[in-house]
Amino acid sequence: MATPTERLAELGLVLPVVPTPAAAYRPYAVEGDRVLTAGQLPVRSGALEVTGRLGAELTTAQGAAEARIAGLNLLAVGAAALGSLDAVRVVKLTVFVASTPEFQEHHLVANGASELLGEVLGEAGVHARSAVGVAALPLGAPVEVEAVLARVRSSTPAVSG
């Protein structure tokens, strides 16, 4: 069975550099065996390529594509926090969607990130999730993704010596 690192390569994806925080915070915090990530925007090469709200300037499909990019940034943060992409397990995902009051497809936008996590991490990418509509996000981003992560537990028994 392929590792997450191998699956990422098979998908033709490369983990980006962990985005630099835009304000006074860190990309992640470690608490016990959990990693809490800061919100990740769909930043590519240090900048947002797409801005706007779902239901106004952007379609559901465009929002899902941006959530996928934010999810890739989230994987980069997880790999940095846990030392390897292969160690990342997603426990809970929260996806914030900048949208008009009438927009009702937040869950479909969030699928962009959720599906990427499953494609790359396999069972370790299956998670609980919330998708929330908001009036606006930092820098005009259409989506922001944050997560609670944990280290993948080894199925190999520890060898004592």
N, C-alpha and C. Protein backbone atom coordinates (compact mmCIF):
# COMPACT_ATOMS: atom_id res chain seq x y z
N MET A 1 0.84 -1.18 0.00
CA MET A 1 0.00 0.00 0.00
C MET A 1 0.89 1.25 0.00
N ALA A 2 0.55 2.23 -0.80
CA ALA A 2 1.34 3.46 -0.94
C ALA A 2 1.26 4.31 0.33
N THR A 3 2.34 4.98 0.63
CA THR A 3 2.38 5.91 1.75
C THR A 3 1.76 7.24 1.32
N PRO A 4 1.41 8.10 2.26
CA PRO A 4 0.91 9.44 1.88
C PRO A 4 1.90 10.20 0.99
N THR A 5 3.18 10.10 1.28
CA THR A 5 4.18 10.78 0.46
C THR A 5 4.15 10.25 -0.97
N GLU A 6 4.01 8.95 -1.13
CA GLU A 6 3.93 8.34 -2.46
C GLU A 6 2.64 8.74 -3.17
N ARG A 7 1.52 8.76 -2.43
CA ARG A 7 0.24 9.15 -3.04
C ARG A 7 0.27 10.60 -3.49
N LEU A 8 0.91 11.46 -2.71
CA LEU A 8 1.03 12.87 -3.08
C LEU A 8 1.76 12.98 -4.42
N ALA A 9 2.85 12.26 -4.56
CA ALA A 9 3.61 12.27 -5.81
C ALA A 9 2.78 11.70 -6.96
N GLU A 10 2.05 10.62 -6.71
CA GLU A 10 1.19 10.02 -7.75
C GLU A 10 0.15 11.01 -8.25
N LEU A 11 -0.32 11.90 -7.35
CA LEU A 11 -1.30 12.92 -7.72
C LEU A 11 -0.65 14.11 -8.42
N GLY A 12 0.67 14.09 -8.51
CA GLY A 12 1.38 15.20 -9.14
C GLY A 12 1.44 16.45 -8.28
N LEU A 13 1.33 16.25 -6.96
CA LEU A 13 1.33 17.39 -6.03
C LEU A 13 2.62 17.44 -5.25
N VAL A 14 2.98 18.63 -4.84
CA VAL A 14 4.15 18.87 -4.00
C VAL A 14 3.70 19.70 -2.82
N LEU A 15 4.15 19.32 -1.62
CA LEU A 15 3.81 20.14 -0.45
C LEU A 15 4.46 21.50 -0.59
N PRO A 16 3.69 22.56 -0.40
CA PRO A 16 4.28 23.90 -0.45
C PRO A 16 5.06 24.19 0.82
N VAL A 17 5.81 25.27 0.79
CA VAL A 17 6.44 25.78 2.00
C VAL A 17 5.33 26.21 2.93
N VAL A 18 5.48 25.95 4.22
CA VAL A 18 4.45 26.36 5.18
C VAL A 18 4.27 27.87 5.08
N PRO A 19 3.04 28.32 4.82
CA PRO A 19 2.81 29.76 4.68
C PRO A 19 3.19 30.53 5.94
N THR A 20 3.79 31.68 5.75
CA THR A 20 4.14 32.56 6.86
C THR A 20 2.88 33.20 7.41
N PRO A 21 2.69 33.18 8.72
CA PRO A 21 1.50 33.82 9.29
C PRO A 21 1.40 35.30 8.89
N ALA A 22 0.18 35.74 8.65
CA ALA A 22 -0.08 37.11 8.24
C ALA A 22 -0.28 38.05 9.43
N ALA A 23 -0.22 37.52 10.63
CA ALA A 23 -0.44 38.33 11.83
C ALA A 23 0.32 37.69 13.00
N ALA A 24 -0.11 37.97 14.22
CA ALA A 24 0.60 37.53 15.42
C ALA A 24 0.13 36.15 15.88
N TYR A 25 0.58 35.10 15.20
CA TYR A 25 0.25 33.73 15.57
C TYR A 25 1.26 32.79 14.93
N ARG A 26 1.19 31.52 15.29
CA ARG A 26 2.04 30.48 14.73
C ARG A 26 1.21 29.60 13.79
N PRO A 27 1.87 28.90 12.86
CA PRO A 27 1.12 28.03 11.95
C PRO A 27 0.44 26.85 12.65
N TYR A 28 0.97 26.45 13.83
CA TYR A 28 0.38 25.34 14.57
C TYR A 28 0.82 25.42 16.03
N ALA A 29 0.07 24.70 16.87
CA ALA A 29 0.42 24.55 18.27
C ALA A 29 0.27 23.08 18.62
N VAL A 30 1.23 22.58 19.39
CA VAL A 30 1.19 21.18 19.81
C VAL A 30 0.73 21.14 21.26
N GLU A 31 -0.27 20.31 21.52
CA GLU A 31 -0.80 20.14 22.88
C GLU A 31 -0.94 18.64 23.10
N GLY A 32 0.00 18.07 23.87
CA GLY A 32 -0.03 16.63 24.08
C GLY A 32 0.21 15.90 22.77
N ASP A 33 -0.70 15.00 22.42
CA ASP A 33 -0.54 14.25 21.17
C ASP A 33 -1.34 14.87 20.01
N ARG A 34 -1.82 16.07 20.21
CA ARG A 34 -2.61 16.75 19.18
C ARG A 34 -1.87 17.97 18.63
N VAL A 35 -2.13 18.25 17.37
CA VAL A 35 -1.65 19.46 16.71
C VAL A 35 -2.87 20.25 16.29
N LEU A 36 -2.94 21.50 16.70
CA LEU A 36 -4.02 22.39 16.28
C LEU A 36 -3.42 23.36 15.27
N THR A 37 -3.99 23.39 14.09
CA THR A 37 -3.43 24.26 13.05
C THR A 37 -4.11 25.61 13.06
N ALA A 38 -3.37 26.60 12.61
CA ALA A 38 -3.97 27.90 12.32
C ALA A 38 -4.77 27.73 11.03
N GLY A 39 -5.66 28.65 10.78
CA GLY A 39 -6.42 28.60 9.53
C GLY A 39 -5.51 28.75 8.34
N GLN A 40 -5.72 27.92 7.34
CA GLN A 40 -4.91 27.95 6.12
C GLN A 40 -5.76 28.47 4.96
N LEU A 41 -5.24 29.48 4.30
CA LEU A 41 -5.91 30.06 3.14
C LEU A 41 -5.42 29.36 1.87
N PRO A 42 -6.11 29.52 0.76
CA PRO A 42 -5.66 28.91 -0.50
C PRO A 42 -4.54 29.72 -1.15
N VAL A 43 -3.43 29.81 -0.45
CA VAL A 43 -2.28 30.59 -0.91
C VAL A 43 -1.42 29.72 -1.82
N ARG A 44 -1.01 30.29 -2.93
CA ARG A 44 -0.10 29.64 -3.86
C ARG A 44 1.11 30.55 -4.02
N SER A 45 2.29 30.02 -3.83
CA SER A 45 3.53 30.81 -3.97
C SER A 45 3.46 32.13 -3.20
N GLY A 46 2.89 32.08 -2.01
CA GLY A 46 2.88 33.24 -1.14
C GLY A 46 1.76 34.24 -1.36
N ALA A 47 0.83 33.95 -2.27
CA ALA A 47 -0.25 34.92 -2.54
C ALA A 47 -1.56 34.21 -2.85
N LEU A 48 -2.65 34.92 -2.59
CA LEU A 48 -3.96 34.44 -3.01
C LEU A 48 -4.13 34.74 -4.49
N GLU A 49 -4.51 33.74 -5.27
CA GLU A 49 -4.78 33.97 -6.69
C GLU A 49 -6.26 34.25 -6.93
N VAL A 50 -7.09 33.80 -5.98
CA VAL A 50 -8.54 33.95 -6.12
C VAL A 50 -9.09 34.57 -4.85
N THR A 51 -9.94 35.58 -5.01
CA THR A 51 -10.64 36.18 -3.88
C THR A 51 -12.12 36.27 -4.23
N GLY A 52 -12.93 36.50 -3.22
CA GLY A 52 -14.36 36.67 -3.46
C GLY A 52 -15.20 35.75 -2.58
N ARG A 53 -16.51 35.91 -2.75
CA ARG A 53 -17.46 35.14 -1.94
C ARG A 53 -18.21 34.15 -2.81
N LEU A 54 -18.52 33.01 -2.19
CA LEU A 54 -19.34 32.00 -2.85
C LEU A 54 -20.76 32.52 -2.92
N GLY A 55 -21.38 32.31 -4.05
CA GLY A 55 -22.74 32.80 -4.25
C GLY A 55 -22.76 34.20 -4.85
N ALA A 56 -21.60 34.83 -4.97
CA ALA A 56 -21.49 36.16 -5.60
C ALA A 56 -20.48 36.04 -6.75
N GLU A 57 -19.20 36.21 -6.42
CA GLU A 57 -18.16 36.17 -7.45
C GLU A 57 -17.72 34.76 -7.83
N LEU A 58 -17.94 33.78 -6.95
CA LEU A 58 -17.42 32.44 -7.17
C LEU A 58 -18.50 31.37 -7.15
N THR A 59 -18.28 30.31 -7.92
CA THR A 59 -19.19 29.17 -7.95
C THR A 59 -18.77 28.14 -6.90
N THR A 60 -19.63 27.19 -6.66
CA THR A 60 -19.31 26.10 -5.74
C THR A 60 -18.07 25.35 -6.20
N ALA A 61 -17.96 25.06 -7.48
CA ALA A 61 -16.80 24.34 -8.01
C ALA A 61 -15.51 25.14 -7.79
N GLN A 62 -15.57 26.45 -8.01
CA GLN A 62 -14.38 27.28 -7.77
C GLN A 62 -14.02 27.26 -6.28
N GLY A 63 -15.00 27.32 -5.42
CA GLY A 63 -14.76 27.28 -3.98
C GLY A 63 -14.13 25.96 -3.56
N ALA A 64 -14.61 24.85 -4.12
CA ALA A 64 -14.05 23.53 -3.80
C ALA A 64 -12.59 23.45 -4.26
N ALA A 65 -12.29 24.02 -5.41
CA ALA A 65 -10.91 24.03 -5.90
C ALA A 65 -10.00 24.83 -4.96
N GLU A 66 -10.51 25.94 -4.44
CA GLU A 66 -9.73 26.74 -3.49
C GLU A 66 -9.58 26.03 -2.15
N ALA A 67 -10.62 25.31 -1.73
CA ALA A 67 -10.52 24.53 -0.50
C ALA A 67 -9.48 23.43 -0.64
N ARG A 68 -9.34 22.87 -1.82
CA ARG A 68 -8.32 21.84 -2.08
C ARG A 68 -6.92 22.44 -1.90
N ILE A 69 -6.71 23.65 -2.40
CA ILE A 69 -5.41 24.32 -2.24
C ILE A 69 -5.15 24.60 -0.76
N ALA A 70 -6.15 25.07 -0.05
CA ALA A 70 -6.00 25.31 1.39
C ALA A 70 -5.70 24.00 2.11
N GLY A 71 -6.31 22.91 1.66
CA GLY A 71 -6.04 21.60 2.24
C GLY A 71 -4.60 21.16 2.02
N LEU A 72 -4.04 21.47 0.86
CA LEU A 72 -2.65 21.15 0.58
C LEU A 72 -1.73 21.94 1.53
N ASN A 73 -2.07 23.20 1.76
CA ASN A 73 -1.31 24.00 2.73
C ASN A 73 -1.42 23.40 4.13
N LEU A 74 -2.60 22.91 4.46
CA LEU A 74 -2.81 22.26 5.76
C LEU A 74 -1.91 21.02 5.90
N LEU A 75 -1.79 20.24 4.84
CA LEU A 75 -0.91 19.07 4.87
C LEU A 75 0.55 19.48 5.10
N ALA A 76 0.95 20.59 4.50
CA ALA A 76 2.32 21.08 4.71
C ALA A 76 2.55 21.43 6.17
N VAL A 77 1.55 22.07 6.79
CA VAL A 77 1.65 22.42 8.20
C VAL A 77 1.72 21.15 9.05
N GLY A 78 0.87 20.19 8.75
CA GLY A 78 0.88 18.93 9.50
C GLY A 78 2.19 18.20 9.39
N ALA A 79 2.76 18.16 8.19
CA ALA A 79 4.05 17.51 7.99
C ALA A 79 5.15 18.23 8.78
N ALA A 80 5.10 19.56 8.81
CA ALA A 80 6.09 20.33 9.58
C ALA A 80 5.93 20.07 11.07
N ALA A 81 4.70 20.02 11.54
CA ALA A 81 4.45 19.83 12.97
C ALA A 81 4.82 18.43 13.45
N LEU A 82 4.55 17.42 12.61
CA LEU A 82 4.75 16.03 13.02
C LEU A 82 6.02 15.40 12.45
N GLY A 83 6.75 16.17 11.65
CA GLY A 83 8.02 15.68 11.13
C GLY A 83 7.95 14.93 9.82
N SER A 84 6.75 14.57 9.37
CA SER A 84 6.60 13.81 8.13
C SER A 84 5.12 13.79 7.73
N LEU A 85 4.88 13.88 6.44
CA LEU A 85 3.50 13.74 5.96
C LEU A 85 2.94 12.37 6.33
N ASP A 86 3.79 11.37 6.36
CA ASP A 86 3.35 10.01 6.66
C ASP A 86 2.88 9.84 8.10
N ALA A 87 3.16 10.83 8.95
CA ALA A 87 2.75 10.76 10.36
C ALA A 87 1.42 11.46 10.62
N VAL A 88 0.85 12.12 9.61
CA VAL A 88 -0.34 12.97 9.80
C VAL A 88 -1.63 12.16 9.77
N ARG A 89 -2.46 12.38 10.80
CA ARG A 89 -3.83 11.87 10.84
C ARG A 89 -4.74 13.06 11.13
N VAL A 90 -5.81 13.19 10.37
CA VAL A 90 -6.75 14.30 10.56
C VAL A 90 -7.88 13.82 11.46
N VAL A 91 -8.07 14.54 12.56
CA VAL A 91 -9.13 14.20 13.52
C VAL A 91 -10.37 15.03 13.21
N LYS A 92 -10.20 16.34 13.08
CA LYS A 92 -11.34 17.25 12.87
C LYS A 92 -10.93 18.34 11.90
N LEU A 93 -11.78 18.63 10.95
CA LEU A 93 -11.55 19.68 9.97
C LEU A 93 -12.66 20.71 10.09
N THR A 94 -12.29 21.97 10.07
CA THR A 94 -13.27 23.05 10.02
C THR A 94 -12.97 23.88 8.78
N VAL A 95 -13.99 24.09 7.96
CA VAL A 95 -13.85 24.86 6.73
C VAL A 95 -14.77 26.06 6.81
N PHE A 96 -14.17 27.24 6.73
CA PHE A 96 -14.91 28.50 6.72
C PHE A 96 -15.06 28.93 5.27
N VAL A 97 -16.28 29.28 4.89
CA VAL A 97 -16.58 29.65 3.51
C VAL A 97 -17.14 31.07 3.49
N ALA A 98 -16.44 31.98 2.84
CA ALA A 98 -16.95 33.34 2.68
C ALA A 98 -18.06 33.28 1.64
N SER A 99 -19.26 33.68 2.05
CA SER A 99 -20.40 33.49 1.15
C SER A 99 -21.49 34.53 1.38
N THR A 100 -22.38 34.57 0.43
CA THR A 100 -23.56 35.41 0.56
C THR A 100 -24.51 34.73 1.54
N PRO A 101 -25.45 35.48 2.11
CA PRO A 101 -26.40 34.86 3.05
C PRO A 101 -27.25 33.75 2.40
N GLU A 102 -27.46 33.84 1.11
CA GLU A 102 -28.31 32.86 0.42
C GLU A 102 -27.57 31.57 0.05
N PHE A 103 -26.27 31.58 0.05
CA PHE A 103 -25.48 30.42 -0.37
C PHE A 103 -25.70 29.26 0.60
N GLN A 104 -25.94 28.05 0.06
CA GLN A 104 -26.23 26.90 0.92
C GLN A 104 -25.41 25.66 0.60
N GLU A 105 -24.30 25.83 -0.12
CA GLU A 105 -23.51 24.66 -0.52
C GLU A 105 -22.13 24.64 0.15
N HIS A 106 -22.07 25.12 1.38
CA HIS A 106 -20.82 25.14 2.13
C HIS A 106 -20.20 23.75 2.21
N HIS A 107 -21.04 22.75 2.43
CA HIS A 107 -20.56 21.38 2.56
C HIS A 107 -19.89 20.88 1.27
N LEU A 108 -20.38 21.33 0.13
CA LEU A 108 -19.78 20.93 -1.14
C LEU A 108 -18.46 21.63 -1.38
N VAL A 109 -18.35 22.87 -0.95
CA VAL A 109 -17.08 23.59 -1.02
C VAL A 109 -16.06 22.87 -0.13
N ALA A 110 -16.47 22.53 1.08
CA ALA A 110 -15.58 21.85 2.04
C ALA A 110 -15.08 20.52 1.50
N ASN A 111 -15.86 19.87 0.64
CA ASN A 111 -15.43 18.60 0.07
C ASN A 111 -14.10 18.73 -0.68
N GLY A 112 -13.78 19.91 -1.19
CA GLY A 112 -12.50 20.10 -1.87
C GLY A 112 -11.33 19.75 -0.97
N ALA A 113 -11.38 20.20 0.27
CA ALA A 113 -10.32 19.88 1.24
C ALA A 113 -10.45 18.44 1.73
N SER A 114 -11.67 18.03 2.08
CA SER A 114 -11.87 16.68 2.62
C SER A 114 -11.44 15.60 1.64
N GLU A 115 -11.79 15.76 0.39
CA GLU A 115 -11.44 14.75 -0.61
C GLU A 115 -9.93 14.69 -0.81
N LEU A 116 -9.26 15.84 -0.82
CA LEU A 116 -7.80 15.83 -0.95
C LEU A 116 -7.16 15.08 0.21
N LEU A 117 -7.62 15.35 1.43
CA LEU A 117 -7.05 14.69 2.60
C LEU A 117 -7.22 13.18 2.51
N GLY A 118 -8.37 12.73 2.04
CA GLY A 118 -8.60 11.30 1.86
C GLY A 118 -7.73 10.71 0.76
N GLU A 119 -7.57 11.43 -0.35
CA GLU A 119 -6.74 10.95 -1.45
C GLU A 119 -5.29 10.77 -1.03
N VAL A 120 -4.79 11.72 -0.26
CA VAL A 120 -3.38 11.70 0.13
C VAL A 120 -3.13 10.80 1.34
N LEU A 121 -3.96 10.93 2.37
CA LEU A 121 -3.70 10.23 3.63
C LEU A 121 -4.41 8.90 3.77
N GLY A 122 -5.33 8.58 2.88
CA GLY A 122 -6.09 7.35 3.00
C GLY A 122 -6.96 7.40 4.25
N GLU A 123 -7.02 6.30 4.98
CA GLU A 123 -7.86 6.23 6.18
C GLU A 123 -7.48 7.29 7.21
N ALA A 124 -6.22 7.68 7.26
CA ALA A 124 -5.77 8.71 8.21
C ALA A 124 -6.31 10.10 7.85
N GLY A 125 -6.88 10.22 6.66
CA GLY A 125 -7.45 11.50 6.24
C GLY A 125 -8.95 11.59 6.46
N VAL A 126 -9.59 10.51 6.90
CA VAL A 126 -11.03 10.50 7.17
C VAL A 126 -11.24 11.20 8.50
N HIS A 127 -12.16 12.17 8.55
CA HIS A 127 -12.26 13.06 9.71
C HIS A 127 -13.69 13.50 9.99
N ALA A 128 -13.88 14.03 11.18
CA ALA A 128 -15.11 14.77 11.49
C ALA A 128 -14.95 16.15 10.86
N ARG A 129 -16.08 16.84 10.57
CA ARG A 129 -15.95 18.12 9.87
C ARG A 129 -17.10 19.06 10.16
N SER A 130 -16.77 20.34 10.15
CA SER A 130 -17.77 21.40 10.15
C SER A 130 -17.50 22.29 8.95
N ALA A 131 -18.54 22.73 8.29
CA ALA A 131 -18.44 23.70 7.20
C ALA A 131 -19.32 24.88 7.59
N VAL A 132 -18.71 26.06 7.66
CA VAL A 132 -19.39 27.22 8.22
C VAL A 132 -19.34 28.39 7.24
N GLY A 133 -20.46 29.03 7.01
CA GLY A 133 -20.50 30.22 6.18
C GLY A 133 -20.19 31.46 7.01
N VAL A 134 -19.35 32.34 6.44
CA VAL A 134 -18.99 33.59 7.12
C VAL A 134 -19.10 34.75 6.13
N ALA A 135 -19.22 35.96 6.67
CA ALA A 135 -19.36 37.15 5.82
C ALA A 135 -18.09 37.48 5.07
N ALA A 136 -16.92 37.28 5.69
CA ALA A 136 -15.65 37.61 5.05
C ALA A 136 -14.53 36.85 5.74
N LEU A 137 -13.42 36.68 5.00
CA LEU A 137 -12.22 36.02 5.52
C LEU A 137 -11.02 36.91 5.27
N PRO A 138 -9.90 36.67 5.96
CA PRO A 138 -8.72 37.50 5.78
C PRO A 138 -8.29 37.61 4.31
N LEU A 139 -7.88 38.80 3.94
CA LEU A 139 -7.34 39.09 2.61
C LEU A 139 -8.33 38.84 1.47
N GLY A 140 -9.61 38.68 1.80
CA GLY A 140 -10.62 38.42 0.78
C GLY A 140 -10.68 36.97 0.33
N ALA A 141 -10.04 36.08 1.09
CA ALA A 141 -10.01 34.65 0.71
C ALA A 141 -11.42 34.08 0.68
N PRO A 142 -11.67 33.15 -0.25
CA PRO A 142 -12.99 32.52 -0.31
C PRO A 142 -13.18 31.42 0.73
N VAL A 143 -12.07 30.78 1.16
CA VAL A 143 -12.13 29.70 2.13
C VAL A 143 -10.95 29.77 3.07
N GLU A 144 -11.14 29.18 4.25
CA GLU A 144 -10.06 29.00 5.22
C GLU A 144 -10.28 27.65 5.89
N VAL A 145 -9.22 26.88 6.03
CA VAL A 145 -9.32 25.52 6.55
C VAL A 145 -8.42 25.39 7.77
N GLU A 146 -8.96 24.83 8.86
CA GLU A 146 -8.15 24.54 10.04
C GLU A 146 -8.46 23.13 10.49
N ALA A 147 -7.53 22.56 11.29
CA ALA A 147 -7.73 21.17 11.67
C ALA A 147 -7.13 20.87 13.04
N VAL A 148 -7.63 19.79 13.60
CA VAL A 148 -7.00 19.12 14.73
C VAL A 148 -6.39 17.86 14.14
N LEU A 149 -5.08 17.72 14.32
CA LEU A 149 -4.34 16.60 13.78
C LEU A 149 -3.78 15.74 14.91
N ALA A 150 -3.39 14.54 14.59
CA ALA A 150 -2.72 13.65 15.54
C ALA A 150 -1.70 12.83 14.78
N ARG A 151 -0.79 12.24 15.51
CA ARG A 151 0.21 11.37 14.90
C ARG A 151 -0.45 10.03 14.58
N VAL A 152 -0.17 9.50 13.39
CA VAL A 152 -0.64 8.17 13.01
C VAL A 152 -0.03 7.17 13.98
N ARG A 153 -0.88 6.32 14.52
CA ARG A 153 -0.39 5.28 15.44
C ARG A 153 0.14 4.11 14.64
N SER A 154 1.28 3.63 15.01
CA SER A 154 1.89 2.50 14.33
C SER A 154 1.10 1.24 14.65
N SER A 155 0.89 0.41 13.63
CA SER A 155 0.21 -0.87 13.86
C SER A 155 1.22 -1.97 14.20
N THR A 156 2.52 -1.60 14.17
CA THR A 156 3.57 -2.56 14.49
C THR A 156 3.83 -2.50 15.99
N PRO A 157 3.79 -3.64 16.67
CA PRO A 157 4.06 -3.62 18.12
C PRO A 157 5.48 -3.16 18.39
N ALA A 158 5.63 -2.44 19.48
CA ALA A 158 6.96 -1.97 19.89
C ALA A 158 7.81 -3.16 20.30
N VAL A 159 9.07 -3.09 19.94
CA VAL A 159 10.00 -4.16 20.28
C VAL A 159 10.81 -3.68 21.47
N SER A 160 10.81 -4.48 22.53
CA SER A 160 11.62 -4.08 23.68
C SER A 160 12.98 -4.75 23.57
N GLY A 161 13.98 -4.10 24.09
CA GLY A 161 15.30 -4.66 23.92
C GLY A 161 16.01 -4.67 25.17
